[in-house]
Protein backbone atom coordinates (compact mmCIF):
# COMPACT_ATOMS: atom_id res chain seq x y z
CA MET A 1 82.18 99.11 78.99
CA ASN A 2 83.17 97.65 82.37
CA ALA A 3 83.87 94.03 83.26
CA PHE A 4 84.35 91.86 86.32
CA GLU A 5 87.61 89.98 86.83
CA ILE A 6 87.00 87.06 89.17
CA ARG A 7 89.39 84.54 90.66
CA GLY A 8 87.20 81.65 91.70
CA GLY A 9 87.48 78.70 94.00
CA ASN A 10 87.37 80.63 97.29
CA ARG A 11 84.92 79.80 100.03
CA LEU A 12 82.87 82.77 101.20
CA HIS A 13 81.91 83.46 104.80
CA GLY A 14 79.93 85.81 106.96
CA GLU A 15 76.74 87.80 106.52
CA ILE A 16 75.16 89.56 103.59
CA HIS A 17 72.20 91.94 103.59
CA PRO A 18 69.85 91.49 100.60
CA GLN A 19 68.87 94.76 98.95
CA GLY A 20 65.34 96.11 98.75
CA ALA A 21 63.22 94.43 96.10
CA LYS A 22 63.83 95.82 92.61
CA ASN A 23 60.47 94.75 91.17
CA GLU A 24 58.53 96.10 94.14
CA ALA A 25 60.42 99.39 93.95
CA LEU A 26 59.43 99.95 90.32
CA GLN A 27 55.75 99.41 91.20
CA VAL A 28 55.48 101.52 94.34
CA ILE A 29 57.51 104.41 92.93
CA CYS A 30 55.04 104.63 90.05
CA ALA A 31 52.18 104.51 92.60
CA THR A 32 53.37 107.83 94.06
CA LEU A 33 51.86 109.48 90.96
CA LEU A 34 48.36 108.66 92.27
CA THR A 35 48.42 111.44 94.88
CA ASP A 36 49.52 115.04 95.27
CA GLU A 37 50.58 114.32 98.85
CA LYS A 38 54.01 113.23 100.05
CA VAL A 39 54.92 109.53 99.97
CA THR A 40 57.99 108.18 101.81
CA ILE A 41 59.56 104.89 100.70
CA HIS A 42 62.27 103.03 102.65
CA ASN A 43 64.76 100.35 101.53
CA ILE A 44 64.96 101.49 97.89
CA PRO A 45 67.89 99.75 96.12
CA ASP A 46 70.55 101.93 94.50
CA ILE A 47 70.47 100.22 91.09
CA HIS A 48 70.35 101.43 87.52
CA ASP A 49 66.73 100.60 86.62
CA VAL A 50 65.31 102.13 89.80
CA ASN A 51 67.48 105.24 89.42
CA VAL A 52 66.33 105.73 85.81
CA LEU A 53 62.69 105.58 86.95
CA ILE A 54 63.35 108.07 89.75
CA GLY A 55 65.02 110.33 87.17
CA ILE A 56 61.96 110.13 84.91
CA LEU A 57 59.65 111.19 87.74
CA SER A 58 62.00 114.01 88.71
CA GLU A 59 62.09 115.36 85.14
CA MET A 60 58.29 115.07 85.05
CA GLY A 61 58.12 117.56 87.91
CA VAL A 62 57.70 115.23 90.88
CA THR A 63 59.45 116.68 93.93
CA ILE A 64 61.90 114.05 95.15
CA GLU A 65 64.10 114.20 98.22
CA ARG A 66 66.68 111.58 99.17
CA LEU A 67 66.63 111.40 102.98
CA ASN A 68 69.41 108.80 103.25
CA THR A 69 71.01 106.05 101.17
CA ASP A 70 67.80 104.07 100.75
CA THR A 71 64.92 106.41 101.74
CA TYR A 72 63.18 108.87 99.42
CA THR A 73 60.14 111.12 99.55
CA PHE A 74 58.02 111.71 96.43
CA GLN A 75 55.39 114.40 95.92
CA ALA A 76 53.62 114.53 92.56
CA LYS A 77 51.77 117.79 93.09
CA ASN A 78 51.73 119.11 89.53
CA PRO A 79 53.44 116.73 87.10
CA ASP A 80 54.35 118.28 83.76
CA MET A 81 52.27 116.39 81.19
CA ASN A 82 54.26 117.98 78.36
CA TYR A 83 57.32 116.06 79.56
CA LEU A 84 55.67 112.91 78.21
CA PHE A 85 56.24 114.27 74.69
CA SER A 86 59.91 115.03 75.24
CA ASP A 87 62.85 113.22 73.68
CA SER A 88 64.23 112.61 77.19
CA PHE A 89 61.10 110.69 78.22
CA LEU A 90 61.04 108.69 75.00
CA ARG A 91 64.68 107.73 75.48
CA LYS A 92 64.59 106.97 79.21
CA GLY A 93 61.15 105.37 79.19
CA GLY A 94 62.36 103.04 76.45
CA MET A 95 65.36 101.97 78.54
CA LEU A 96 63.54 99.87 81.13
CA ARG A 97 60.57 97.56 81.38
CA GLY A 98 59.32 99.11 84.62
CA SER A 99 58.42 102.38 82.87
CA VAL A 100 55.22 100.69 81.65
CA MET A 101 53.76 101.02 85.17
CA ILE A 102 53.54 104.78 84.79
CA LEU A 103 50.47 104.18 82.61
CA GLY A 104 48.01 103.03 85.29
CA PRO A 105 48.57 105.88 87.78
CA MET A 106 48.64 108.58 85.06
CA LEU A 107 45.45 107.24 83.47
CA ALA A 108 43.71 107.03 86.85
CA ARG A 109 44.61 110.52 88.03
CA PHE A 110 44.86 112.55 84.82
CA GLY A 111 42.85 110.55 82.26
CA VAL A 112 45.75 110.41 79.81
CA ALA A 113 49.09 108.61 79.55
CA TYR A 114 51.88 108.18 77.01
CA LEU A 115 54.58 105.57 76.89
CA PRO A 116 57.36 104.59 74.50
CA LYS A 117 57.65 100.87 73.85
CA PRO A 118 59.47 99.75 77.04
CA GLY A 119 62.87 98.12 77.18
CA GLY A 120 64.23 95.55 79.63
CA ASP A 121 65.93 92.18 79.30
CA LYS A 122 65.92 90.50 75.88
CA ILE A 123 64.60 87.17 77.12
CA GLY A 124 61.92 86.58 74.51
CA ARG A 125 58.60 88.15 73.62
CA ARG A 126 57.21 90.30 76.43
CA ARG A 127 53.88 91.57 75.22
CA LEU A 128 51.84 94.37 76.78
CA ASP A 129 48.41 92.94 75.93
CA THR A 130 47.48 92.17 79.56
CA HIS A 131 48.09 95.81 80.55
CA LEU A 132 46.33 97.32 77.56
CA ILE A 133 43.28 95.01 77.57
CA GLY A 134 42.88 95.71 81.28
CA PHE A 135 42.86 99.46 80.61
CA GLN A 136 40.33 98.96 77.81
CA ASN A 137 38.11 97.05 80.24
CA LEU A 138 38.21 100.13 82.48
CA GLY A 139 37.09 102.33 79.57
CA ALA A 140 40.38 103.66 78.17
CA ALA A 141 41.00 104.17 74.47
CA ILE A 142 44.43 103.22 73.14
CA ASP A 143 46.38 104.45 70.13
CA PHE A 144 49.74 103.12 68.99
CA PHE A 145 51.97 105.12 66.67
CA PRO A 146 54.29 102.57 65.01
CA GLU A 147 56.77 105.06 63.57
CA GLU A 148 57.42 106.62 66.97
CA GLN A 149 56.80 103.32 68.84
CA VAL A 150 54.62 105.25 71.32
CA TYR A 151 51.36 104.32 73.05
CA LYS A 152 48.73 106.95 73.90
CA LEU A 153 45.94 106.12 76.35
CA HIS A 154 43.05 108.40 77.24
CA ALA A 155 39.76 108.20 79.10
CA SER A 156 37.35 110.89 80.24
CA ALA A 157 36.50 108.66 83.22
CA LEU A 158 37.52 105.14 84.15
CA ARG A 159 34.75 102.76 85.22
CA GLY A 160 35.08 99.54 87.20
CA SER A 161 34.74 96.27 85.35
CA TYR A 162 35.04 92.50 85.72
CA MET A 163 38.10 91.08 83.99
CA LEU A 164 39.75 87.68 83.69
CA LEU A 165 43.41 88.27 82.89
CA ASP A 166 44.77 86.15 80.05
CA GLU A 167 47.99 85.68 82.04
CA ALA A 168 48.96 86.27 85.66
CA SER A 169 51.31 89.09 84.66
CA VAL A 170 52.94 90.79 87.65
CA THR A 171 53.46 94.18 86.00
CA GLY A 172 50.10 93.87 84.22
CA THR A 173 48.29 93.18 87.50
CA ALA A 174 50.10 96.05 89.22
CA ASN A 175 49.25 98.46 86.43
CA ILE A 176 45.56 97.52 86.34
CA ILE A 177 45.28 97.74 90.14
CA MET A 178 46.76 101.25 90.11
CA ALA A 179 44.28 102.35 87.43
CA ALA A 180 41.30 100.67 89.11
CA VAL A 181 41.75 102.22 92.58
CA MET A 182 40.37 105.53 91.24
CA ALA A 183 37.87 104.11 88.70
CA LYS A 184 34.17 104.65 89.40
CA GLY A 185 32.50 101.56 90.83
CA GLN A 186 33.87 98.08 91.50
CA THR A 187 36.60 96.30 89.57
CA THR A 188 37.03 92.54 89.85
CA ILE A 189 40.36 91.07 88.70
CA PHE A 190 40.51 87.28 88.36
CA ASN A 191 43.77 85.42 87.62
CA ALA A 192 45.64 88.33 89.20
CA ALA A 193 49.31 87.81 90.00
CA CYS A 194 49.75 87.32 93.75
CA GLU A 195 53.52 87.74 94.26
CA PRO A 196 54.53 89.27 97.61
CA TYR A 197 55.33 92.46 95.71
CA ILE A 198 51.74 92.72 94.46
CA THR A 199 50.59 92.17 98.05
CA GLN A 200 52.96 94.91 99.17
CA LEU A 201 51.65 97.29 96.50
CA CYS A 202 48.06 96.60 97.57
CA HIS A 203 48.84 97.25 101.24
CA MET A 204 50.56 100.51 100.29
CA LEU A 205 47.56 101.59 98.19
CA VAL A 206 45.17 100.74 101.04
CA SER A 207 47.25 102.94 103.34
CA MET A 208 46.80 105.68 100.71
CA GLY A 209 43.01 105.31 100.88
CA ALA A 210 42.29 102.57 98.32
CA LYS A 211 39.63 99.91 98.98
CA ILE A 212 40.98 96.48 97.98
CA LYS A 213 39.75 93.05 99.10
CA GLY A 214 41.30 89.66 98.40
CA ILE A 215 44.89 90.86 98.90
CA GLY A 216 47.34 87.96 98.56
CA SER A 217 45.00 85.93 96.35
CA ASN A 218 44.39 85.79 92.60
CA LEU A 219 40.91 87.29 92.94
CA LEU A 220 40.85 91.00 93.79
CA TYR A 221 37.89 93.31 94.41
CA ILE A 222 38.60 97.04 94.13
CA GLU A 223 36.11 99.78 94.96
CA GLY A 224 37.21 103.01 93.33
CA VAL A 225 37.83 106.14 95.40
CA ARG A 226 37.96 109.77 94.30
CA SER A 227 41.40 110.63 95.63
CA MET A 228 44.43 109.13 97.32
CA ASN A 229 46.58 110.42 100.18
CA GLY A 230 50.23 110.17 101.18
CA THR A 231 51.79 107.31 103.13
CA THR A 232 55.02 105.65 104.29
CA HIS A 233 56.10 102.28 102.88
CA THR A 234 59.06 99.89 103.34
CA LEU A 235 60.19 97.49 100.60
CA LEU A 236 60.68 93.79 101.22
CA PRO A 237 64.10 92.18 100.70
CA ASP A 238 64.57 91.15 97.07
CA PHE A 239 63.70 87.45 96.95
CA ILE A 240 65.46 87.09 93.58
CA GLU A 241 68.67 88.27 95.21
CA VAL A 242 68.02 85.97 98.19
CA GLY A 243 67.67 83.00 95.80
CA SER A 244 70.84 84.08 94.00
CA PHE A 245 72.79 84.09 97.28
CA ILE A 246 71.43 80.65 98.24
CA GLY A 247 72.75 79.30 94.93
CA MET A 248 76.05 81.13 95.36
CA ALA A 249 76.58 79.63 98.84
CA ALA A 250 76.01 76.11 97.52
CA MET A 251 78.23 76.52 94.45
CA THR A 252 81.14 77.98 96.42
CA GLN A 253 80.74 75.44 99.28
CA SER A 254 80.26 78.33 101.70
CA ALA A 255 78.28 78.92 104.89
CA LEU A 256 76.41 82.22 104.61
CA THR A 257 73.82 84.12 106.67
CA LEU A 258 71.26 86.24 104.81
CA LYS A 259 70.11 88.98 107.16
CA ASN A 260 66.49 89.91 107.85
CA VAL A 261 64.88 87.41 105.50
CA ASP A 262 61.65 85.57 106.33
CA MET A 263 61.39 82.16 104.62
CA PHE A 264 57.59 82.59 104.50
CA GLN A 265 58.03 85.38 101.96
CA LEU A 266 60.05 83.14 99.60
CA GLY A 267 57.26 80.84 98.42
CA ASN A 268 58.65 77.71 96.73
CA ILE A 269 62.22 79.01 96.48
CA PRO A 270 63.64 77.10 99.51
CA LYS A 271 61.70 73.96 98.51
CA THR A 272 63.10 74.11 94.96
CA PHE A 273 66.68 74.42 96.21
CA LYS A 274 65.97 71.53 98.61
CA ARG A 275 65.16 69.40 95.55
CA LEU A 276 68.67 70.17 94.36
CA GLY A 277 70.02 68.99 97.72
CA ILE A 278 70.55 72.40 99.33
CA THR A 279 69.57 73.08 102.94
CA VAL A 280 68.11 76.47 103.92
CA GLU A 281 67.44 77.16 107.60
CA GLN A 282 65.49 79.91 109.34
CA LYS A 283 67.45 81.20 112.33
CA GLY A 284 65.53 83.93 114.08
CA GLU A 285 65.05 86.74 111.59
CA ASP A 286 67.77 85.46 109.26
CA LEU A 287 68.31 82.63 106.76
CA PHE A 288 71.34 80.39 107.14
CA ILE A 289 72.82 78.27 104.33
CA PRO A 290 75.28 75.75 105.84
CA GLN A 291 78.41 74.68 104.00
CA HIS A 292 77.66 72.02 101.37
CA ASP A 293 80.73 70.00 100.42
CA ASN A 294 78.35 68.02 98.21
CA TYR A 295 74.66 68.18 97.39
CA GLU A 296 72.53 65.56 95.68
CA VAL A 297 69.47 66.01 93.48
CA GLU A 298 66.28 64.38 94.68
CA ALA A 299 64.33 62.07 92.38
CA PHE A 300 60.58 61.86 91.94
CA PHE A 301 58.82 59.01 93.73
CA ASP A 302 58.69 56.93 90.55
CA GLY A 303 62.45 57.38 90.07
CA SER A 304 62.16 59.70 87.05
CA ILE A 305 64.54 62.60 86.50
CA MET A 306 63.96 65.70 88.62
CA THR A 307 62.37 68.60 86.72
CA ILE A 308 62.75 72.22 87.84
CA SER A 309 60.29 74.50 86.05
CA ASP A 310 59.03 78.04 86.48
CA ALA A 311 55.43 79.07 87.12
CA PRO A 312 53.45 82.09 88.32
CA TRP A 313 53.59 82.65 92.07
CA PRO A 314 53.57 80.70 94.31
CA GLY A 315 55.43 78.58 91.76
CA PHE A 316 59.18 78.91 91.22
CA THR A 317 59.94 82.34 89.78
CA PRO A 318 61.37 82.44 86.23
CA ASP A 319 63.97 84.96 87.44
CA LEU A 320 65.73 82.16 89.34
CA ILE A 321 65.72 79.49 86.62
CA SER A 322 69.20 80.62 85.51
CA ILE A 323 70.48 80.26 89.08
CA ALA A 324 68.95 76.79 89.48
CA LEU A 325 70.58 75.69 86.22
CA VAL A 326 74.03 76.81 87.35
CA VAL A 327 73.63 75.21 90.76
CA ALA A 328 72.64 71.92 89.10
CA THR A 329 75.97 71.75 87.23
CA GLN A 330 77.77 70.80 90.46
CA ALA A 331 75.02 68.71 92.05
CA LYS A 332 75.16 64.93 92.14
CA GLY A 333 72.54 63.72 89.68
CA ALA A 334 70.68 64.96 86.60
CA VAL A 335 68.06 67.69 86.30
CA LEU A 336 65.75 68.85 83.53
CA ILE A 337 65.45 72.65 83.64
CA HIS A 338 62.22 73.77 81.97
CA GLN A 339 61.88 77.51 81.37
CA LYS A 340 58.24 77.77 80.31
CA MET A 341 57.60 81.49 80.36
CA PHE A 342 60.37 82.98 78.19
CA GLU A 343 61.96 81.48 75.10
CA SER A 344 65.40 83.12 75.26
CA ARG A 345 66.40 82.75 78.88
CA LEU A 346 68.49 79.61 78.44
CA PHE A 347 70.70 81.04 75.71
CA PHE A 348 73.64 81.51 78.08
CA VAL A 349 74.35 77.80 78.60
CA ASP A 350 77.03 77.83 75.89
CA LYS A 351 79.22 79.80 78.30
CA LEU A 352 78.68 77.18 81.02
CA ILE A 353 79.53 74.42 78.55
CA ASP A 354 82.76 76.27 77.73
CA MET A 355 83.46 76.28 81.47
CA GLY A 356 83.15 72.49 81.56
CA ALA A 357 79.50 71.99 82.51
CA GLN A 358 77.65 69.02 81.04
CA ILE A 359 74.45 70.50 79.62
CA ILE A 360 72.27 69.54 76.68
CA LEU A 361 70.14 72.40 75.39
CA CYS A 362 67.10 70.45 74.21
CA ASP A 363 65.23 73.44 72.76
CA PRO A 364 64.74 77.15 73.66
CA HIS A 365 62.78 76.17 76.76
CA ARG A 366 64.52 73.05 78.13
CA ALA A 367 68.01 72.04 79.16
CA THR A 368 69.22 68.78 80.69
CA VAL A 369 72.02 69.22 83.23
CA ILE A 370 74.23 66.29 84.22
CA GLY A 371 75.65 67.31 87.59
CA GLN A 372 79.36 66.91 88.24
CA GLY A 373 78.98 66.25 91.96
CA ASN A 374 81.88 68.66 92.56
CA GLN A 375 84.21 66.08 91.01
CA ASN A 376 85.06 68.24 87.99
CA ARG A 377 85.10 71.92 88.87
CA LEU A 378 84.17 74.53 86.31
CA ARG A 379 87.09 76.46 84.79
CA GLY A 380 87.39 80.22 84.36
CA ILE A 381 86.81 81.74 80.91
CA GLU A 382 86.02 85.10 79.30
CA MET A 383 82.31 85.68 78.66
CA THR A 384 79.60 88.32 78.27
CA SER A 385 76.48 88.86 80.37
CA PRO A 386 73.34 88.69 78.18
CA ASP A 387 70.81 89.89 80.81
CA ILE A 388 70.49 90.54 84.54
CA ARG A 389 69.69 87.04 85.76
CA ALA A 390 71.94 85.12 83.36
CA GLY A 391 74.70 87.58 84.24
CA VAL A 392 74.44 86.77 87.94
CA ALA A 393 74.28 83.04 87.14
CA LEU A 394 77.56 83.39 85.23
CA LEU A 395 78.99 85.40 88.12
CA ILE A 396 78.12 82.55 90.52
CA ALA A 397 79.71 80.05 88.13
CA ALA A 398 82.87 82.18 87.97
CA LEU A 399 83.08 82.43 91.79
CA SER A 400 83.08 78.63 91.99
CA ALA A 401 85.38 77.98 89.03
CA LYS A 402 89.11 77.26 88.98
CA GLY A 403 91.21 80.13 87.69
CA LYS A 404 90.34 83.57 86.36
CA SER A 405 87.10 84.60 84.65
CA ILE A 406 86.23 87.84 82.88
CA ILE A 407 82.56 88.84 82.59
CA ARG A 408 81.83 91.71 80.21
CA ASN A 409 78.67 93.82 79.83
CA ILE A 410 78.24 93.93 83.59
CA GLU A 411 76.01 96.97 83.18
CA GLN A 412 73.30 94.32 82.83
CA ILE A 413 74.11 92.97 86.28
CA ASP A 414 74.23 96.50 87.74
CA ARG A 415 70.66 97.03 86.57
CA GLY A 416 69.43 94.63 89.24
CA TYR A 417 72.12 94.13 91.92
CA GLN A 418 73.49 97.06 93.90
CA TYR A 419 77.21 97.26 94.69
CA ILE A 420 77.43 93.54 94.01
CA ASP A 421 81.23 93.48 93.74
CA GLN A 422 81.67 95.40 97.01
CA ARG A 423 79.27 93.18 98.90
CA LEU A 424 80.90 90.00 97.58
CA LYS A 425 84.37 91.29 98.48
CA ALA A 426 83.16 91.80 102.05
CA ILE A 427 82.44 88.07 102.37
CA GLY A 428 85.70 86.88 100.81
CA ALA A 429 85.22 86.91 97.02
CA GLU A 430 88.13 87.89 94.76
CA ILE A 431 86.35 90.20 92.33
CA GLU A 432 87.47 93.44 90.70
CA ARG A 433 85.63 95.89 88.47
CA ILE A 434 87.87 96.70 85.49
CA GLU A 435 87.68 98.70 82.28
């Protein structure tokens, strides 16, 4: 098991290029299964979860060619359906949450799909009901084998249907869209997730021949087509990584430029950081975060304590709640962090308390942070990363802290952030990967 050794307290400087979006990559790579023609995808991040998914498709018989560091072609001419019964698929499919999005394309094109219970971050209950009920609405039958922890879906023909999703699940919406584009008739999806990555997926599918209306909204109309063709697609920058770098700049009192990032694509992320006192500027095609020697939390108009909470898009993404919490530890003022969507995402605050942060964990969903106003810096400690986003939050805390920190289980961080130590070194961080 590897670890990061970090000597904090250094100001960072220069430019950093956000990677391609992890969550978008997992969706659009699965979408290549909808056609037997070649699909080219640019800006794919070189991270563990994406590489595992590419490996699954390769072992399934999809022809994959890596054209350069971030561009691949995929051609799913004759996928081997028997691979879905193999031990390799059960093991690898169970390693990551994104494997669930194989179901929609396989069901649409081949009428059958298998999936082991997917893995991913242990941040609370992450049910699959939205996916499965959506497939049932399209006419699929579902069997679950508890001993093997495997789902089997089958349908002689999918048929369009009206559905009101019980939650605006991003992966659930993506999966249902990919199944519906080849279902007979019209599918209406209300309460659909409308993240930029869902919009990107829809535009890619339209370029492959799909008929989708309402793109960018929570009400989608899909007219099924018989077949799909190849296309070329480019991933957006990862807005979770962008938000992480905004928080990192503030915590380390650094001026940083984030290259090729459009603030319009970030939803409420800049506004939420503004509530914490952090300025984010659009300069041409880039974002600039000026040096903040201090930053002060805003108050509501009635003077009550500021609350930062997550919500479906265009609300503040739950993937950045951990970052907002860390940033609040050095703000001037108090903040209530309310993680509504997952019940285990705040269970890393004990490490921050050990570092000197003043935090009260009210319950599994809420934490009150009393900001230090940069008067009492965090101190370096040894700790373990529990999941991707908490791991990066701890990494940001360590970069700002006095002294040396050790972060173990950094494989979690590597699942979502490519070459993070190398990129941070390039802007002045003292970070080493050690055994």
